[in-house]
Amino acid sequence: MKLKYILAALLLFLVSPAHAELEINVSGASRNPMPIAVPEMIGTSGNIFTKIIGRDYGSKIHEVITADLDRSGLFKIIPPRSYIETLNSVDQKPQFVDWQAIKAQALVQSQITELEGEKLRVDFRLWDIVSQKQLLGKSFTSSKDNWRRIAHVVADAIYERLTGDKGYFNTRVVYVSESGASTRRTKRLAVMDQDGENHKFITDGKNLVLTPRFSPNMQKIAYLSYEKSKP
């Protein structure tokens, strides 16, 4: 009987450390998102008709900028309903006390202007609410068809100035899209913006394609194609 107790105690001693290792809890570092205010772009029509036909560029650009910043996880977009001051010009100096009251640490002040020849100009200012200083001021002009690209460029500039890291919003993703039955998969080369927009297929799926890569200037794509079953 005494021998059984000794063996049981020995087994408990051997098993317990292994069981304890399973209960180790590892947690990573966390970072609180920066509260940032991004008011509607000055010059936005706000007209229901322009929204319906998709020509309210100010609202669309503002939506993409806020989505980019919010999706990064580094910024917390303060709800517009809490804003106290209304900005009427991109050259208007903000009342910093009004933005401090809603605990904003940064403010994006922007304005859109429609130019002749189907072009847009976007001016924006980035303010540090704590130091009450302008951190950045830029202007971009492009065609109306390129409005989404302008939004990503603005978001990149804001991201880089506030984090010190290069922005990635104005980038594209190339990949191999697979569809069809598991025994006969169709693989097509596809490209899209980093947020999933502007998606399009480059190849028709008749030939197997693999390993797509962007050229250094991002204007061409190299890939392996099995045309006539030969690589």
Protein backbone atom coordinates (compact mmCIF):
# COMPACT_ATOMS: atom_id res chain seq x y z
CA MET A 1 0.00 0.00 0.00
CA LYS A 2 2.81 2.42 0.91
CA LEU A 3 4.51 1.70 -2.44
CA LYS A 4 1.31 2.70 -4.29
CA TYR A 5 1.22 6.07 -2.47
CA ILE A 6 4.85 6.72 -3.38
CA LEU A 7 4.20 5.94 -7.07
CA ALA A 8 1.09 8.14 -7.10
CA ALA A 9 3.01 11.04 -5.53
CA LEU A 10 5.83 10.59 -8.05
CA LEU A 11 3.41 10.62 -10.99
CA LEU A 12 1.74 13.78 -9.65
CA PHE A 13 5.13 15.44 -9.36
CA LEU A 14 6.01 14.53 -12.95
CA VAL A 15 2.67 15.57 -14.45
CA SER A 16 2.02 18.83 -12.60
CA PRO A 17 4.81 20.96 -14.20
CA ALA A 18 3.63 19.98 -17.71
CA HIS A 19 0.08 20.91 -16.85
CA ALA A 20 1.22 24.27 -15.44
CA GLU A 21 2.88 25.20 -18.75
CA LEU A 22 -0.47 24.97 -20.53
CA GLU A 23 -1.84 27.75 -18.35
CA ILE A 24 0.79 30.36 -19.23
CA ASN A 25 -1.00 33.45 -20.56
CA VAL A 26 0.92 35.53 -23.13
CA SER A 27 -0.48 38.94 -24.05
CA GLY A 28 0.92 41.36 -26.63
CA ALA A 29 1.48 45.07 -26.35
CA SER A 30 -1.47 47.34 -27.08
CA ARG A 31 -1.72 50.90 -28.35
CA ASN A 32 -4.64 53.24 -27.92
CA PRO A 33 -5.83 54.73 -31.23
CA MET A 34 -5.30 58.48 -31.65
CA PRO A 35 -8.60 60.44 -31.53
CA ILE A 36 -8.80 62.42 -34.79
CA ALA A 37 -11.49 64.72 -36.15
CA VAL A 38 -12.22 64.63 -39.88
CA PRO A 39 -15.06 67.07 -40.69
CA GLU A 40 -16.95 66.93 -44.00
CA MET A 41 -15.00 68.56 -46.84
CA ILE A 42 -15.68 72.26 -47.33
CA GLY A 43 -17.29 72.79 -50.73
CA THR A 44 -19.26 69.53 -50.63
CA SER A 45 -22.64 70.17 -52.18
CA GLY A 46 -24.64 67.92 -49.88
CA ASN A 47 -27.26 67.85 -52.65
CA ILE A 48 -29.41 64.70 -52.70
CA PHE A 49 -29.41 64.68 -56.52
CA THR A 50 -25.60 64.73 -56.75
CA LYS A 51 -25.43 61.90 -54.21
CA ILE A 52 -27.86 59.78 -56.25
CA ILE A 53 -25.95 60.18 -59.53
CA GLY A 54 -22.63 59.67 -57.76
CA ARG A 55 -21.13 63.09 -58.41
CA ASP A 56 -20.90 64.34 -54.84
CA TYR A 57 -17.12 63.98 -54.90
CA GLY A 58 -16.55 65.73 -51.58
CA SER A 59 -18.61 63.19 -49.66
CA LYS A 60 -17.06 60.25 -51.51
CA ILE A 61 -13.47 61.43 -50.94
CA HIS A 62 -14.22 62.16 -47.27
CA GLU A 63 -15.69 58.68 -46.84
CA VAL A 64 -12.60 56.98 -48.29
CA ILE A 65 -10.17 59.07 -46.20
CA THR A 66 -11.96 58.28 -42.94
CA ALA A 67 -12.29 54.60 -43.87
CA ASP A 68 -8.55 54.35 -44.63
CA LEU A 69 -7.52 55.96 -41.34
CA ASP A 70 -10.04 54.01 -39.28
CA ARG A 71 -9.13 50.68 -40.87
CA SER A 72 -5.45 51.15 -39.95
CA GLY A 73 -6.35 50.66 -36.29
CA LEU A 74 -4.10 53.56 -35.25
CA PHE A 75 -6.79 56.25 -35.34
CA LYS A 76 -10.20 56.68 -33.77
CA ILE A 77 -12.47 58.86 -35.90
CA ILE A 78 -14.46 61.14 -33.60
CA PRO A 79 -18.18 61.14 -34.59
CA PRO A 80 -19.10 64.33 -36.54
CA ARG A 81 -22.19 64.91 -34.39
CA SER A 82 -19.90 65.86 -31.50
CA TYR A 83 -18.08 68.63 -33.44
CA ILE A 84 -18.60 72.11 -31.98
CA GLU A 85 -16.96 74.35 -34.59
CA THR A 86 -18.04 74.55 -38.24
CA LEU A 87 -15.17 75.23 -40.63
CA ASN A 88 -16.06 77.38 -43.64
CA SER A 89 -12.68 77.73 -45.34
CA VAL A 90 -9.52 75.68 -45.58
CA ASP A 91 -7.61 78.86 -44.66
CA GLN A 92 -9.66 79.39 -41.49
CA LYS A 93 -7.64 78.79 -38.32
CA PRO A 94 -9.49 76.37 -36.05
CA GLN A 95 -10.72 77.29 -32.60
CA PHE A 96 -8.53 74.78 -30.81
CA VAL A 97 -10.47 74.95 -27.57
CA ASP A 98 -13.54 73.56 -29.37
CA TRP A 99 -11.58 70.55 -30.62
CA GLN A 100 -9.86 70.05 -27.28
CA ALA A 101 -13.31 69.88 -25.68
CA ILE A 102 -14.13 66.73 -27.68
CA LYS A 103 -10.67 65.29 -26.89
CA ALA A 104 -9.36 65.42 -30.45
CA GLN A 105 -5.59 65.19 -30.79
CA ALA A 106 -5.52 65.94 -34.53
CA LEU A 107 -7.81 67.70 -37.00
CA VAL A 108 -8.07 67.25 -40.77
CA GLN A 109 -9.37 70.41 -42.45
CA SER A 110 -10.15 69.91 -46.14
CA GLN A 111 -11.78 71.62 -49.09
CA ILE A 112 -12.82 70.46 -52.57
CA THR A 113 -13.07 72.61 -55.69
CA GLU A 114 -14.39 71.51 -59.09
CA LEU A 115 -12.27 72.90 -61.92
CA GLU A 116 -12.80 73.17 -65.66
CA GLY A 117 -12.04 70.14 -67.79
CA GLU A 118 -13.58 67.58 -65.41
CA LYS A 119 -10.91 68.12 -62.77
CA LEU A 120 -10.89 68.36 -58.98
CA ARG A 121 -8.60 70.14 -56.54
CA VAL A 122 -8.39 68.99 -52.93
CA ASP A 123 -6.71 71.22 -50.34
CA PHE A 124 -6.19 70.00 -46.80
CA ARG A 125 -4.53 71.02 -43.54
CA LEU A 126 -3.50 68.74 -40.70
CA TRP A 127 -3.50 70.35 -37.25
CA ASP A 128 -2.01 69.23 -33.96
CA ILE A 129 -4.70 70.18 -31.45
CA VAL A 130 -2.42 69.80 -28.43
CA SER A 131 0.39 72.08 -29.69
CA GLN A 132 -2.08 74.19 -31.73
CA LYS A 133 0.21 74.05 -34.77
CA GLN A 134 -0.25 73.07 -38.41
CA LEU A 135 1.57 69.84 -39.16
CA LEU A 136 0.87 69.61 -42.88
CA GLY A 137 -0.71 71.53 -45.73
CA LYS A 138 -1.03 70.17 -49.27
CA SER A 139 -3.05 70.49 -52.46
CA PHE A 140 -3.76 67.80 -55.08
CA THR A 141 -5.32 68.18 -58.52
CA SER A 142 -6.54 65.33 -60.71
CA SER A 143 -9.37 64.23 -62.98
CA LYS A 144 -12.76 63.45 -61.47
CA ASP A 145 -12.40 59.83 -62.55
CA ASN A 146 -9.38 59.63 -60.28
CA TRP A 147 -11.19 60.85 -57.14
CA ARG A 148 -10.57 57.63 -55.19
CA ARG A 149 -6.84 57.85 -55.83
CA ILE A 150 -6.80 61.43 -54.48
CA ALA A 151 -8.50 60.23 -51.29
CA HIS A 152 -5.89 57.51 -50.76
CA VAL A 153 -3.04 59.98 -51.37
CA VAL A 154 -4.46 62.38 -48.76
CA ALA A 155 -4.89 59.53 -46.26
CA ASP A 156 -1.29 58.43 -46.92
CA ALA A 157 0.02 61.94 -46.24
CA ILE A 158 -1.90 62.14 -42.94
CA TYR A 159 -0.81 58.66 -41.89
CA GLU A 160 2.87 59.34 -42.63
CA ARG A 161 2.93 62.68 -40.81
CA LEU A 162 1.27 61.33 -37.65
CA THR A 163 3.00 57.94 -37.43
CA GLY A 164 6.35 58.49 -39.12
CA ASP A 165 5.75 55.43 -41.33
CA LYS A 166 5.04 55.54 -45.04
CA GLY A 167 1.37 55.22 -45.90
CA TYR A 168 0.03 52.20 -47.79
CA PHE A 169 -3.49 53.28 -48.77
CA ASN A 170 -2.59 54.29 -52.33
CA THR A 171 -1.41 50.80 -53.23
CA ARG A 172 -2.77 47.93 -55.28
CA VAL A 173 -2.93 44.19 -54.74
CA VAL A 174 -2.33 41.64 -57.51
CA TYR A 175 -3.34 38.05 -56.88
CA VAL A 176 -4.50 34.80 -58.47
CA SER A 177 -8.29 34.40 -58.22
CA GLU A 178 -9.56 30.81 -58.10
CA SER A 179 -13.08 29.65 -58.96
CA GLY A 180 -14.95 26.56 -60.14
CA ALA A 181 -15.08 22.95 -59.03
CA SER A 182 -12.30 21.56 -56.85
CA THR A 183 -11.22 19.18 -59.62
CA ARG A 184 -11.14 21.89 -62.31
CA ARG A 185 -10.12 25.18 -60.80
CA THR A 186 -10.02 28.29 -62.99
CA LYS A 187 -7.20 30.65 -62.09
CA ARG A 188 -7.27 34.24 -63.27
CA LEU A 189 -4.91 37.10 -62.59
CA ALA A 190 -6.71 39.95 -60.80
CA VAL A 191 -5.80 43.37 -59.43
CA MET A 192 -7.54 45.70 -56.98
CA ASP A 193 -6.92 48.63 -54.64
CA GLN A 194 -5.80 47.75 -51.13
CA ASP A 195 -9.34 48.39 -49.85
CA GLY A 196 -10.89 45.97 -52.36
CA GLU A 197 -12.21 48.61 -54.77
CA ASN A 198 -11.49 48.94 -58.53
CA HIS A 199 -11.30 45.17 -58.89
CA LYS A 200 -10.69 43.75 -62.36
CA PHE A 201 -9.45 40.56 -64.01
CA ILE A 202 -6.37 40.73 -66.22
CA THR A 203 -6.43 37.22 -67.69
CA ASP A 204 -9.39 35.16 -68.93
CA GLY A 205 -8.64 31.92 -67.08
CA LYS A 206 -7.92 29.82 -70.17
CA ASN A 207 -4.34 29.25 -69.04
CA LEU A 208 -2.91 28.56 -65.59
CA VAL A 209 -1.24 31.63 -64.05
CA LEU A 210 1.04 31.81 -61.01
CA THR A 211 3.36 34.08 -58.99
CA PRO A 212 2.33 37.61 -60.08
CA ARG A 213 4.76 40.41 -59.16
CA PHE A 214 4.60 44.19 -59.66
CA SER A 215 7.45 45.92 -61.46
CA PRO A 216 9.40 48.50 -59.38
CA ASN A 217 7.35 51.39 -60.83
CA MET A 218 4.07 49.50 -60.19
CA GLN A 219 2.97 49.96 -63.81
CA LYS A 220 3.57 46.42 -65.06
CA ILE A 221 3.01 42.90 -63.76
CA ALA A 222 5.24 39.88 -64.38
CA TYR A 223 3.74 36.40 -63.92
CA LEU A 224 4.13 32.77 -64.92
CA SER A 225 1.64 31.50 -67.50
CA TYR A 226 1.11 27.92 -68.66
CA GLU A 227 0.08 28.68 -72.23
CA LYS A 228 -0.53 25.41 -74.12
CA SER A 229 0.46 23.58 -70.89
CA LYS A 230 4.01 24.94 -71.09
CA PRO A 231 5.41 27.43 -68.56
